[in-house]
Amino acid sequence: MANIKSIHSVCNSLMQYLHNAYEAYPVPDSAPAVTMQDEYPCDFRVLSSGELKASTDFGTTLSLYLYRVSVNEHVRSQPVSRQAGDSPLPLSIDLHFLITVWSESAVAEQTICAWAMQQIHQHPIMDVSSLSVEGGWRNDDVVQIIPAELCNEDLMRIWDALAPDYRLSLSYIARVVRVDPDNLAVGLPVVATRYQYEEGSTKMLIERVEQRVLGAMCLLDRATSTPLMRPMRVVSSSARVLRNAHGLYVITEADGLAAHSQAFLQPPANPPLGANSYDFAIHDPQGRYLPRLVSVSLPRDPDPNHTGNSNSLFTPLEVTLYPASTAPLSANWSSVRVSLSQGPDPQSATPLVAALLRIVDPAESRILASGLSDQRGEALVIVPGVPVTKFADEGDAHDHGHHNDSSPVVVNTLPVRLELSWQAGTPWPPDPAELEANHAARLKTTRDLVLRSGRMERVVINLT
């Protein structure tokens, strides 16, 4: 889901994508170096109703005009899996827009029109890699661009309401844009009510059962940061955990905190906040995620005014699960499969267990993804946000062997660095938080890779 800037983000991102593709698209039956921009110079703009009314002198332009926003009738009442059941529903909307070609030349108008239709037909899906950041998109957000069933009469009515005369136009719908609701204050803990009957009587007794939970964990997918709603096995030798209807793993009891479980409105002052540490083991029954350990500090802050703090009782602890080597992949994701071993002879080397792998964007020194090696030394690192196309910078041109004016305008690859850290004697299953915190100190080797959207890279590393 996204924020209130998502509507403009979709419109602007679509025009930006078309502009980037237009700059690099070769003109059919022309010299290879001649692009559409060379043959038919064209601007790309998102127009408002006021701009259309004020002026029609746009030159040769491909414009997007949003003429209608409607609530999607199919998912208007559908909650999102990452939300609690009592959270307000997101606003699910469809964007209806016209793509118009402005040109005084018939050949330019018709060629640009055919090219735009072809591009949207071939690339109808916009995800976080192609949507602009101001929309606040999440990794799993997807917007689909489909042709609109707009009859001639409706199309002409739209143009009759506008100042300029009719121009060749294409009608499309962007669906579904889901806008996040405002963050609301977290409610107080729930008071349970137990019903029972007296023996030998039909009189019903009502008993109030008040109990304070000690905390909760929200399990997230490491690649997409989305909550996992499928049940996992979460166990601890010193605490009791229950999975609630919202997919959270609630800690109801813990050694040394019996008084906290019984106190509802005012918990005891001792032990201090975060003084006790409890270890939990998490396993995926389907084996799509690697097992892991997580350490939780209790008690958590019970003050409702501190809900924004990471140690708040009302804020679930986010615990990421790393994909197993057998995890399913989406069609647009980039991925890296790594086989790790240690020994002088690669044929008889032992598997490297519980090694941490990071994919880093060297241009921005930004961590794109992480993965763990299993007990066979196999690891899968999923990178879902690799752009389908992006502007080429000087570094991209050098990476592709171009050093002159023929350097590409856009590229569909992303140079990255694969980093491997490992510590002998790391237990299995590991605590990934501890591995991430000590990654720099335990760094063993790096590899330079080039990622492509929807492609998998394979790497074999043997530490001698």
Protein backbone atom coordinates (compact mmCIF):
# COMPACT_ATOMS: atom_id res chain seq x y z
CA MET A 1 0.00 0.00 0.00
CA ALA A 2 1.00 3.64 -0.35
CA ASN A 3 0.32 7.15 0.90
CA ILE A 4 -1.80 10.01 -0.46
CA LYS A 5 0.84 10.83 -3.08
CA SER A 6 0.32 7.44 -4.72
CA ILE A 7 -2.04 8.76 -7.42
CA HIS A 8 0.52 11.24 -8.73
CA SER A 9 3.26 8.64 -8.24
CA VAL A 10 1.51 6.19 -10.61
CA CYS A 11 0.88 8.83 -13.29
CA ASN A 12 4.36 10.32 -13.08
CA SER A 13 6.07 6.91 -12.96
CA LEU A 14 4.26 5.69 -16.07
CA MET A 15 5.28 8.77 -18.05
CA GLN A 16 8.83 8.55 -16.74
CA TYR A 17 9.03 4.92 -17.86
CA LEU A 18 7.72 5.78 -21.33
CA HIS A 19 10.16 8.68 -21.58
CA ASN A 20 13.12 6.45 -20.66
CA ALA A 21 12.07 3.77 -23.14
CA TYR A 22 11.44 6.33 -25.91
CA GLU A 23 14.97 7.70 -25.57
CA ALA A 24 16.48 4.28 -26.34
CA TYR A 25 13.95 2.77 -28.77
CA PRO A 26 15.43 2.35 -32.29
CA VAL A 27 13.39 3.53 -35.26
CA PRO A 28 12.43 0.59 -37.52
CA ASP A 29 14.28 0.40 -40.85
CA SER A 30 16.73 3.12 -39.80
CA ALA A 31 20.35 3.23 -38.75
CA PRO A 32 20.95 1.47 -35.38
CA ALA A 33 21.96 4.71 -33.68
CA VAL A 34 18.73 6.51 -34.65
CA THR A 35 16.17 6.44 -31.84
CA MET A 36 12.54 7.53 -31.67
CA GLN A 37 13.63 10.70 -29.90
CA ASP A 38 15.97 11.49 -32.80
CA GLU A 39 13.34 10.85 -35.47
CA TYR A 40 10.30 12.31 -33.67
CA PRO A 41 11.41 14.60 -30.81
CA CYS A 42 8.72 14.34 -28.15
CA ASP A 43 8.04 15.60 -24.63
CA PHE A 44 6.30 13.52 -21.95
CA ARG A 45 3.98 15.29 -19.51
CA VAL A 46 1.32 14.66 -16.88
CA LEU A 47 -1.34 17.33 -17.50
CA SER A 48 -3.93 18.72 -15.13
CA SER A 49 -7.37 20.02 -16.11
CA GLY A 50 -6.11 23.56 -15.57
CA GLU A 51 -3.20 23.09 -17.96
CA LEU A 52 -5.48 21.74 -20.67
CA LYS A 53 -7.77 24.73 -20.25
CA ALA A 54 -4.97 27.31 -20.23
CA SER A 55 -3.05 26.19 -23.29
CA THR A 56 -3.06 23.70 -26.14
CA ASP A 57 0.36 24.61 -27.56
CA PHE A 58 2.28 21.57 -26.37
CA GLY A 59 4.30 20.88 -29.52
CA THR A 60 4.94 17.18 -30.08
CA THR A 61 4.00 15.69 -26.73
CA LEU A 62 2.72 12.46 -25.25
CA SER A 63 0.54 13.44 -22.30
CA LEU A 64 -1.32 11.68 -19.52
CA TYR A 65 -4.55 13.23 -18.27
CA LEU A 66 -6.31 11.72 -15.24
CA TYR A 67 -10.01 12.32 -15.77
CA ARG A 68 -11.57 10.02 -13.16
CA VAL A 69 -10.75 8.26 -9.87
CA SER A 70 -13.09 5.51 -8.67
CA VAL A 71 -13.24 3.12 -5.74
CA ASN A 72 -12.57 -0.45 -6.87
CA GLU A 73 -15.79 -2.38 -6.33
CA HIS A 74 -14.12 -5.78 -5.99
CA VAL A 75 -11.61 -5.13 -3.17
CA ARG A 76 -13.16 -2.11 -1.45
CA SER A 77 -13.93 -4.18 1.68
CA GLN A 78 -10.92 -6.46 1.55
CA PRO A 79 -8.39 -6.09 4.39
CA VAL A 80 -4.65 -6.48 3.94
CA SER A 81 -2.94 -9.46 5.54
CA ARG A 82 -0.35 -7.29 7.29
CA GLN A 83 -3.07 -5.38 9.18
CA ALA A 84 -4.70 -6.27 12.46
CA GLY A 85 -8.36 -7.24 12.22
CA ASP A 86 -9.55 -4.06 13.96
CA SER A 87 -7.52 -1.73 11.73
CA PRO A 88 -9.36 0.50 9.24
CA LEU A 89 -9.51 -0.80 5.70
CA PRO A 90 -7.25 0.71 3.04
CA LEU A 91 -8.73 2.86 0.28
CA SER A 92 -8.66 0.78 -2.93
CA ILE A 93 -8.99 2.95 -6.04
CA ASP A 94 -8.73 2.74 -9.82
CA LEU A 95 -7.23 5.54 -11.93
CA HIS A 96 -8.87 6.30 -15.29
CA PHE A 97 -6.70 8.31 -17.64
CA LEU A 98 -6.16 9.31 -21.26
CA ILE A 99 -2.83 9.10 -23.03
CA THR A 100 -2.91 11.68 -25.81
CA VAL A 101 -0.56 12.37 -28.71
CA TRP A 102 -0.13 16.06 -29.55
CA SER A 103 1.49 16.59 -32.94
CA GLU A 104 0.93 18.48 -36.18
CA SER A 105 2.43 15.61 -38.18
CA ALA A 106 0.29 12.59 -39.03
CA VAL A 107 3.25 10.21 -39.22
CA ALA A 108 4.61 11.36 -35.85
CA GLU A 109 1.15 11.20 -34.22
CA GLN A 110 0.40 7.69 -35.45
CA THR A 111 3.89 6.30 -34.88
CA ILE A 112 4.10 7.60 -31.33
CA CYS A 113 0.59 6.28 -30.64
CA ALA A 114 1.47 2.78 -31.87
CA TRP A 115 4.72 2.81 -29.91
CA ALA A 116 2.99 3.84 -26.65
CA MET A 117 0.36 1.11 -27.04
CA GLN A 118 3.09 -1.45 -27.68
CA GLN A 119 5.08 -0.43 -24.61
CA ILE A 120 2.11 -0.58 -22.23
CA HIS A 121 0.99 -3.89 -23.76
CA GLN A 122 4.43 -5.42 -23.19
CA HIS A 123 4.94 -3.91 -19.71
CA PRO A 124 1.51 -3.68 -18.01
CA ILE A 125 2.79 -4.25 -14.46
CA MET A 126 4.34 -1.53 -12.29
CA ASP A 127 5.97 -2.57 -9.02
CA VAL A 128 8.27 -0.94 -6.49
CA SER A 129 11.14 -0.98 -8.99
CA SER A 130 9.27 1.28 -11.42
CA LEU A 131 7.07 3.37 -9.06
CA SER A 132 8.52 6.61 -7.70
CA VAL A 133 9.50 6.71 -4.04
CA GLU A 134 7.21 9.58 -2.99
CA GLY A 135 4.26 7.19 -3.13
CA GLY A 136 5.57 5.27 -0.12
CA TRP A 137 5.21 1.91 -1.88
CA ARG A 138 5.99 -1.41 -0.22
CA ASN A 139 7.93 -4.24 -1.84
CA ASP A 140 4.79 -6.24 -2.59
CA ASP A 141 2.77 -3.38 -4.11
CA VAL A 142 1.75 -3.91 -7.74
CA VAL A 143 -0.29 -1.68 -10.06
CA GLN A 144 -1.67 -3.08 -13.32
CA ILE A 145 -2.26 -0.94 -16.42
CA ILE A 146 -5.13 -2.26 -18.58
CA PRO A 147 -6.99 -0.84 -21.60
CA ALA A 148 -10.28 0.83 -20.67
CA GLU A 149 -13.56 -0.13 -22.31
CA LEU A 150 -14.47 3.43 -23.23
CA CYS A 151 -16.99 3.90 -26.03
CA ASN A 152 -16.74 6.71 -28.58
CA GLU A 153 -19.61 8.62 -27.00
CA ASP A 154 -17.97 8.66 -23.55
CA LEU A 155 -14.63 9.63 -25.06
CA MET A 156 -16.18 12.53 -26.94
CA ARG A 157 -18.00 13.71 -23.83
CA ILE A 158 -14.68 13.95 -22.02
CA TRP A 159 -13.20 16.07 -24.80
CA ASP A 160 -16.34 18.21 -25.00
CA ALA A 161 -15.79 19.13 -21.33
CA LEU A 162 -12.22 20.22 -22.06
CA ALA A 163 -11.04 23.38 -23.83
CA PRO A 164 -8.89 21.89 -26.63
CA ASP A 165 -10.22 20.12 -29.71
CA TYR A 166 -10.04 16.36 -29.89
CA ARG A 167 -6.63 14.72 -30.25
CA LEU A 168 -5.81 11.06 -30.82
CA SER A 169 -6.19 9.46 -27.37
CA LEU A 170 -5.86 6.08 -25.67
CA SER A 171 -7.88 5.19 -22.57
CA TYR A 172 -6.40 3.09 -19.74
CA ILE A 173 -7.10 2.13 -16.14
CA ALA A 174 -4.45 1.71 -13.42
CA ARG A 175 -5.66 -0.76 -10.80
CA VAL A 176 -5.57 -1.33 -7.86
CA VAL A 177 -3.96 1.55 -5.96
CA ARG A 178 -4.35 0.87 -2.23
CA VAL A 179 -3.88 3.92 -0.01
CA ASP A 180 -2.92 3.36 3.63
CA PRO A 181 -5.27 4.66 6.32
CA ASP A 182 -3.90 7.14 8.84
CA ASN A 183 -2.10 5.64 11.80
CA LEU A 184 -4.53 5.44 14.69
CA ALA A 185 -3.76 5.16 18.38
CA VAL A 186 -3.37 1.60 19.62
CA GLY A 187 -6.23 0.46 21.85
CA LEU A 188 -5.94 -0.85 25.38
CA PRO A 189 -5.52 -4.59 26.03
CA VAL A 190 -8.65 -6.67 25.53
CA VAL A 191 -10.71 -7.83 28.52
CA ALA A 192 -11.93 -11.39 27.99
CA THR A 193 -15.33 -12.53 29.26
CA ARG A 194 -15.95 -16.14 30.24
CA TYR A 195 -19.50 -17.57 30.29
CA GLN A 196 -20.57 -20.64 32.32
CA TYR A 197 -23.69 -22.20 33.88
CA GLU A 198 -24.25 -23.10 37.53
CA GLU A 199 -24.63 -26.80 38.21
CA GLY A 200 -28.32 -27.80 38.26
CA SER A 201 -29.47 -24.38 37.18
CA THR A 202 -30.05 -22.51 33.98
CA LYS A 203 -28.68 -19.29 35.49
CA MET A 204 -25.72 -17.99 33.53
CA LEU A 205 -22.70 -16.58 35.34
CA ILE A 206 -20.40 -14.02 33.78
CA GLU A 207 -16.78 -13.94 34.88
CA ARG A 208 -14.33 -11.29 33.77
CA VAL A 209 -10.87 -12.63 32.97
CA GLU A 210 -8.24 -9.92 32.78
CA GLN A 211 -4.70 -10.79 31.76
CA ARG A 212 -1.78 -8.77 30.46
CA VAL A 213 0.28 -10.21 27.64
CA LEU A 214 4.03 -9.73 27.80
CA GLY A 215 4.70 -8.97 24.15
CA ALA A 216 4.19 -10.18 20.61
CA MET A 217 6.22 -11.09 17.54
CA CYS A 218 5.33 -10.38 13.91
CA LEU A 219 7.10 -12.70 11.44
CA LEU A 220 8.20 -11.04 8.19
CA ASP A 221 9.54 -12.27 4.87
CA ARG A 222 13.15 -11.07 4.55
CA ALA A 223 12.87 -10.39 0.82
CA THR A 224 9.58 -8.43 0.77
CA SER A 225 9.19 -7.33 4.42
CA THR A 226 5.57 -8.54 4.34
CA PRO A 227 4.00 -10.36 7.32
CA LEU A 228 3.76 -14.14 7.14
CA MET A 229 0.21 -15.24 7.87
CA ARG A 230 0.86 -18.97 7.49
CA PRO A 231 1.33 -20.68 10.90
CA MET A 232 4.93 -21.26 12.01
CA ARG A 233 6.23 -23.26 14.97
CA VAL A 234 7.52 -20.90 17.68
CA VAL A 235 8.82 -22.52 20.88
CA SER A 236 10.78 -21.52 23.98
CA SER A 237 11.89 -23.44 27.05
CA SER A 238 11.21 -20.45 29.31
CA ALA A 239 8.10 -18.80 27.83
CA ARG A 240 4.65 -19.63 26.46
CA VAL A 241 3.57 -18.41 23.04
CA LEU A 242 0.13 -18.37 21.39
CA ARG A 243 -0.67 -17.41 17.81
CA ASN A 244 -3.65 -15.04 17.64
CA ALA A 245 -6.18 -14.47 14.86
CA HIS A 246 -4.09 -11.63 13.38
CA GLY A 247 -1.05 -13.83 12.83
CA LEU A 248 0.93 -12.41 15.77
CA TYR A 249 2.78 -14.72 18.16
CA VAL A 250 1.78 -13.48 21.61
CA ILE A 251 3.94 -14.13 24.66
CA THR A 252 1.50 -14.86 27.50
CA GLU A 253 3.84 -16.25 30.18
CA ALA A 254 7.55 -16.19 30.92
CA ASP A 255 9.76 -17.44 33.75
CA GLY A 256 10.24 -14.72 36.34
CA LEU A 257 7.33 -12.61 35.06
CA ALA A 258 4.33 -14.32 36.65
CA ALA A 259 3.31 -11.11 38.43
CA HIS A 260 3.35 -9.23 35.12
CA SER A 261 0.96 -11.73 33.53
CA GLN A 262 -1.61 -11.24 36.29
CA ALA A 263 -1.33 -7.46 36.70
CA PHE A 264 -3.58 -5.76 34.15
CA LEU A 265 -3.61 -2.00 34.59
CA GLN A 266 -0.36 -1.47 36.49
CA PRO A 267 2.45 -4.05 36.07
CA PRO A 268 5.13 -4.46 38.78
CA ALA A 269 8.16 -2.19 38.72
CA ASN A 270 10.61 -5.08 38.99
CA PRO A 271 12.35 -6.41 37.06
CA PRO A 272 13.16 -3.25 35.04
CA LEU A 273 12.15 -2.94 31.40
CA GLY A 274 14.16 -5.27 29.15
CA ALA A 275 16.08 -6.83 32.06
CA ASN A 276 15.28 -10.47 31.13
CA SER A 277 16.17 -12.15 27.85
CA TYR A 278 14.23 -15.11 26.39
CA ASP A 279 15.24 -17.24 23.41
CA PHE A 280 12.68 -18.50 20.88
CA ALA A 281 13.21 -21.01 18.06
CA ILE A 282 11.16 -20.53 14.88
CA HIS A 283 10.63 -23.31 12.32
CA ASP A 284 8.66 -23.37 9.08
CA PRO A 285 6.67 -26.64 8.76
CA GLN A 286 6.76 -26.32 4.96
CA GLY A 287 10.51 -25.69 4.83
CA ARG A 288 10.28 -22.55 2.68
CA TYR A 289 12.05 -20.49 5.33
CA LEU A 290 15.18 -21.39 7.26
CA PRO A 291 14.87 -22.02 11.01
CA ARG A 292 16.21 -19.29 13.25
CA LEU A 293 16.62 -18.15 16.84
CA VAL A 294 15.44 -14.81 18.19
CA SER A 295 16.14 -13.22 21.57
CA VAL A 296 13.35 -11.12 23.12
CA SER A 297 13.96 -8.72 26.02
CA LEU A 298 11.15 -8.55 28.59
CA PRO A 299 9.28 -6.87 30.15
CA ARG A 300 8.31 -4.33 27.49
CA ASP A 301 7.20 -0.76 28.08
CA PRO A 302 3.46 -0.78 29.03
CA ASP A 303 2.91 2.98 28.70
CA PRO A 304 0.29 3.60 25.92
CA ASN A 305 1.92 6.97 25.25
CA HIS A 306 5.11 5.20 24.11
CA THR A 307 3.56 3.10 21.35
CA GLY A 308 6.00 4.54 18.82
CA ASN A 309 9.02 3.11 20.65
CA SER A 310 10.57 -0.16 19.54
CA ASN A 311 10.32 -1.65 23.06
CA SER A 312 6.62 -0.79 23.52
CA LEU A 313 4.29 -3.53 24.70
CA PHE A 314 1.83 -2.37 22.02
CA THR A 315 4.37 -2.68 19.18
CA PRO A 316 5.05 -6.25 17.98
CA LEU A 317 8.70 -7.20 17.60
CA GLU A 318 9.40 -7.69 13.89
CA VAL A 319 11.28 -10.94 13.24
CA THR A 320 12.49 -11.66 9.69
CA LEU A 321 12.65 -15.18 8.27
CA TYR A 322 15.23 -15.89 5.59
CA PRO A 323 14.29 -17.93 2.50
CA ALA A 324 15.42 -21.53 2.16
CA SER A 325 17.07 -22.62 -1.07
CA THR A 326 13.75 -24.21 -2.11
CA ALA A 327 11.69 -21.02 -1.64
CA PRO A 328 9.44 -20.05 -4.60
CA LEU A 329 10.40 -17.02 -6.69
CA SER A 330 8.31 -14.35 -8.37
CA ALA A 331 8.79 -13.78 -12.10
CA ASN A 332 10.18 -10.23 -11.70
CA TRP A 333 12.58 -10.99 -8.85
CA SER A 334 16.33 -11.20 -9.24
CA SER A 335 18.03 -13.89 -7.19
CA VAL A 336 21.46 -15.30 -6.40
CA ARG A 337 22.04 -18.97 -5.55
CA VAL A 338 25.29 -19.56 -3.71
CA SER A 339 27.06 -22.85 -2.86
CA LEU A 340 29.52 -22.44 0.04
CA SER A 341 32.22 -24.78 1.26
CA GLN A 342 35.56 -24.79 3.07
CA GLY A 343 38.64 -26.89 2.45
CA PRO A 344 41.73 -27.16 0.26
CA ASP A 345 40.04 -29.62 -2.09
CA PRO A 346 36.71 -28.34 -3.47
CA GLN A 347 35.59 -31.90 -4.14
CA SER A 348 35.87 -32.94 -0.48
CA ALA A 349 35.32 -29.54 1.17
CA THR A 350 32.81 -29.31 4.03
CA PRO A 351 29.68 -27.16 3.68
CA LEU A 352 29.80 -23.66 5.13
CA VAL A 353 26.85 -23.54 7.55
CA ALA A 354 25.14 -20.40 8.91
CA ALA A 355 27.08 -17.99 6.69
CA LEU A 356 25.54 -14.57 6.03
CA LEU A 357 25.41 -13.25 2.47
CA ARG A 358 24.61 -9.66 1.57
CA ILE A 359 23.84 -8.04 -1.76
CA VAL A 360 25.09 -4.43 -1.66
CA ASP A 361 24.63 -1.64 -4.17
CA PRO A 362 28.20 -0.23 -4.32
CA ALA A 363 27.07 3.05 -5.88
CA GLU A 364 24.95 3.91 -2.84
CA SER A 365 26.53 1.59 -0.23
CA ARG A 366 23.01 0.29 0.37
CA ILE A 367 22.08 -3.23 1.47
CA LEU A 368 19.60 -4.65 -1.05
CA ALA A 369 19.10 -8.14 0.39
CA SER A 370 20.49 -10.78 2.73
CA GLY A 371 20.48 -14.57 2.87
CA LEU A 372 21.74 -17.47 5.00
CA SER A 373 23.41 -20.74 4.07
CA ASP A 374 21.74 -23.92 5.30
CA GLN A 375 23.32 -27.12 6.65
CA ARG A 376 24.25 -28.15 3.09
CA GLY A 377 26.05 -24.86 2.46
CA GLU A 378 23.34 -23.72 0.01
CA ALA A 379 21.94 -20.19 0.13
CA LEU A 380 19.31 -18.23 -1.77
CA VAL A 381 19.35 -14.42 -1.76
CA ILE A 382 16.23 -12.79 -3.24
CA VAL A 383 16.42 -9.23 -4.59
CA PRO A 384 12.88 -8.14 -5.58
CA GLY A 385 13.52 -4.45 -6.32
CA VAL A 386 15.91 -4.55 -9.30
CA PRO A 387 14.60 -2.01 -11.88
CA VAL A 388 13.51 -3.31 -15.27
CA THR A 389 15.17 -0.23 -16.83
CA LYS A 390 16.98 2.74 -15.37
CA PHE A 391 19.03 5.72 -16.53
CA ALA A 392 22.61 4.82 -17.30
CA ASP A 393 25.24 6.75 -15.38
CA GLU A 394 28.95 6.95 -16.04
CA GLY A 395 29.61 3.82 -14.03
CA ASP A 396 27.01 1.86 -15.98
CA ALA A 397 28.55 2.93 -19.27
CA HIS A 398 31.98 1.72 -18.19
CA ASP A 399 30.52 -1.56 -16.95
CA HIS A 400 29.02 -2.16 -20.39
CA GLY A 401 32.21 -1.29 -22.24
CA HIS A 402 30.99 2.06 -23.60
CA HIS A 403 33.34 5.02 -23.29
CA ASN A 404 32.03 7.37 -25.99
CA ASP A 405 28.92 9.15 -27.18
CA SER A 406 27.26 5.83 -28.05
CA SER A 407 26.83 4.97 -24.37
CA PRO A 408 23.34 3.60 -23.63
CA VAL A 409 20.71 5.99 -22.31
CA VAL A 410 18.99 3.29 -20.24
CA VAL A 411 20.23 -0.08 -18.99
CA ASN A 412 18.48 -3.14 -17.60
CA THR A 413 21.27 -4.38 -15.34
CA LEU A 414 22.40 -3.50 -11.82
CA PRO A 415 26.04 -3.96 -10.71
CA VAL A 416 26.18 -5.23 -7.11
CA ARG A 417 28.64 -6.65 -4.62
CA LEU A 418 28.10 -10.02 -2.92
CA GLU A 419 29.56 -10.09 0.62
CA LEU A 420 30.16 -13.27 2.63
CA SER A 421 30.70 -13.31 6.40
CA TRP A 422 31.12 -16.41 8.56
CA GLN A 423 32.18 -17.43 12.06
CA ALA A 424 33.35 -20.96 12.84
CA GLY A 425 31.27 -22.64 15.54
CA THR A 426 28.07 -20.68 14.85
CA PRO A 427 25.23 -22.87 16.16
CA TRP A 428 22.37 -24.10 14.01
CA PRO A 429 19.82 -22.64 13.83
CA PRO A 430 21.51 -19.23 14.09
CA ASP A 431 20.28 -15.85 15.27
CA PRO A 432 20.42 -13.72 12.06
CA ALA A 433 20.32 -10.51 14.08
CA GLU A 434 23.63 -11.46 15.69
CA LEU A 435 25.10 -12.38 12.28
CA GLU A 436 23.97 -9.08 10.73
CA ALA A 437 25.42 -7.07 13.63
CA ASN A 438 28.86 -8.72 13.27
CA HIS A 439 28.95 -8.91 9.47
CA ALA A 440 31.77 -6.41 8.97
CA ALA A 441 34.04 -8.02 11.57
CA ARG A 442 33.55 -11.52 10.09
CA LEU A 443 33.72 -10.60 6.41
CA LYS A 444 35.57 -13.33 4.47
CA THR A 445 35.27 -12.47 0.78
CA THR A 446 33.33 -10.47 -1.82
CA ARG A 447 32.25 -11.00 -5.43
CA ASP A 448 31.15 -8.50 -8.07
CA LEU A 449 27.92 -9.47 -9.82
CA VAL A 450 25.47 -8.00 -12.32
CA LEU A 451 21.77 -8.53 -11.58
CA ARG A 452 18.93 -8.50 -14.08
CA SER A 453 15.23 -8.37 -13.34
CA GLY A 454 13.76 -11.87 -13.44
CA ARG A 455 17.17 -13.57 -13.75
CA MET A 456 19.07 -15.87 -11.39
CA GLU A 457 22.84 -15.74 -10.86
CA ARG A 458 24.77 -18.78 -9.59
CA VAL A 459 27.92 -18.45 -7.49
CA VAL A 460 30.25 -21.11 -6.03
CA ILE A 461 32.61 -20.04 -3.22
CA ASN A 462 35.16 -22.25 -1.49
CA LEU A 463 37.14 -20.85 1.44
CA THR A 464 40.56 -22.45 1.61
